[in-house]
Each structure stands twice: as structure tokens, then as C-alpha cells.
Amino acid sequence: MTSVARTNQLLYQAELLLALGADARTEEVNRDEHATARRMALEEAALGQLELALNALLREVAEHTDLTHDDWRAWLQATSVPVAELERLRSLADDAESWLAMLLERLRALHGDEGAARREAPRRLIASAGEPTLAETLRWCHREFRALLPSLREGSSEW
């Protein structure tokens, strides 16, 4: 499988998991005792797939270099070889409002003791109106990730 195909495959799998998570959210309304756990598992699985897709993309856009790193942390910290696509991703990672910064924040939580998925507050409690759910955040990150792909690939294909 090519690096482009692998990145696409992982993004598609994340999309499928997010769709299943939406179904699990509907089940929660029906009071299935395991629905919340299923939703949380699907959200974290989708987040894990997005992490794999990010790693695949980083390898993809830097395959013309001699850089080899294991994960996004190393890729985004490595500045020894100036690669425009990596610089663009580093810039996004540094912008707290960007999809990539939010994704990286969720990934750090995923790898932490608390995890990334949360149980929802009971409906009788007042929740903050502007706080998106993990699934909503991941869907937004996924859309933005896919929208950025063509321009990143265009630059790296010139090599």
C-alpha cells in the first residue's frame, strides 16, 4: 500500500468510527446500560485512528527526506531538515485555535490516565453551552484534516 493510500485508509476508518459513535449516542437516549461505554470507546478509537492518520501523513509528506520518526511528537519537534509541509503543520500545531492543536490536545488526553472521552453530564445539570463534545471536535478535526491534504500532497509531490 502506498503512503497516500494508508493515510486515506486511516482517515476513512476514523470517519466510520465517528459515524458509529453517532449511532451510539442515539442508543444512549434509549437507556442501554452499555451505550455510554460504547460511545466513549468509539470516540477514543476514532481519535486513535486520527493519530495513526496524522503519523501516516507526516511520513508521507517527508518521504523525500531521510527523516524517520516514530510519532507525531518527534515529527513536529524535528527541525533539522526544513520541509515546508512539516513547517505548515508545526504552525497549525502552535495555533491554539487550529484543528491540529485541538487534535493534539485530545491525543495527549487519550494517552493520559483520564483518557479523552467523557461521560455526559445528566440533562438536569447546566452544561456550558459552547463546549463541543469529543465527537463533534473529532468530526471537525477530520474535516479540516481532509481539506488540508491536497495542498500538503501537492507540495510534497513536487519532490
Foldseek 3Di string as FASTA:
>chain_A
DDLVVLLVVLLVVLVVLLVVLVVLVVVVVVVDVCSLVSNQVSLLVSLVSVQVSVQSLLCVLCVVDPDDDDGPVCLQPDDPDDRPLSVVLVVQCPPCPHLSVVSVVLVVQCPDPNHRADDDDPPVDDDDPPDDHSSVSSVVSSVVVVVCVVVSNVRSVVD
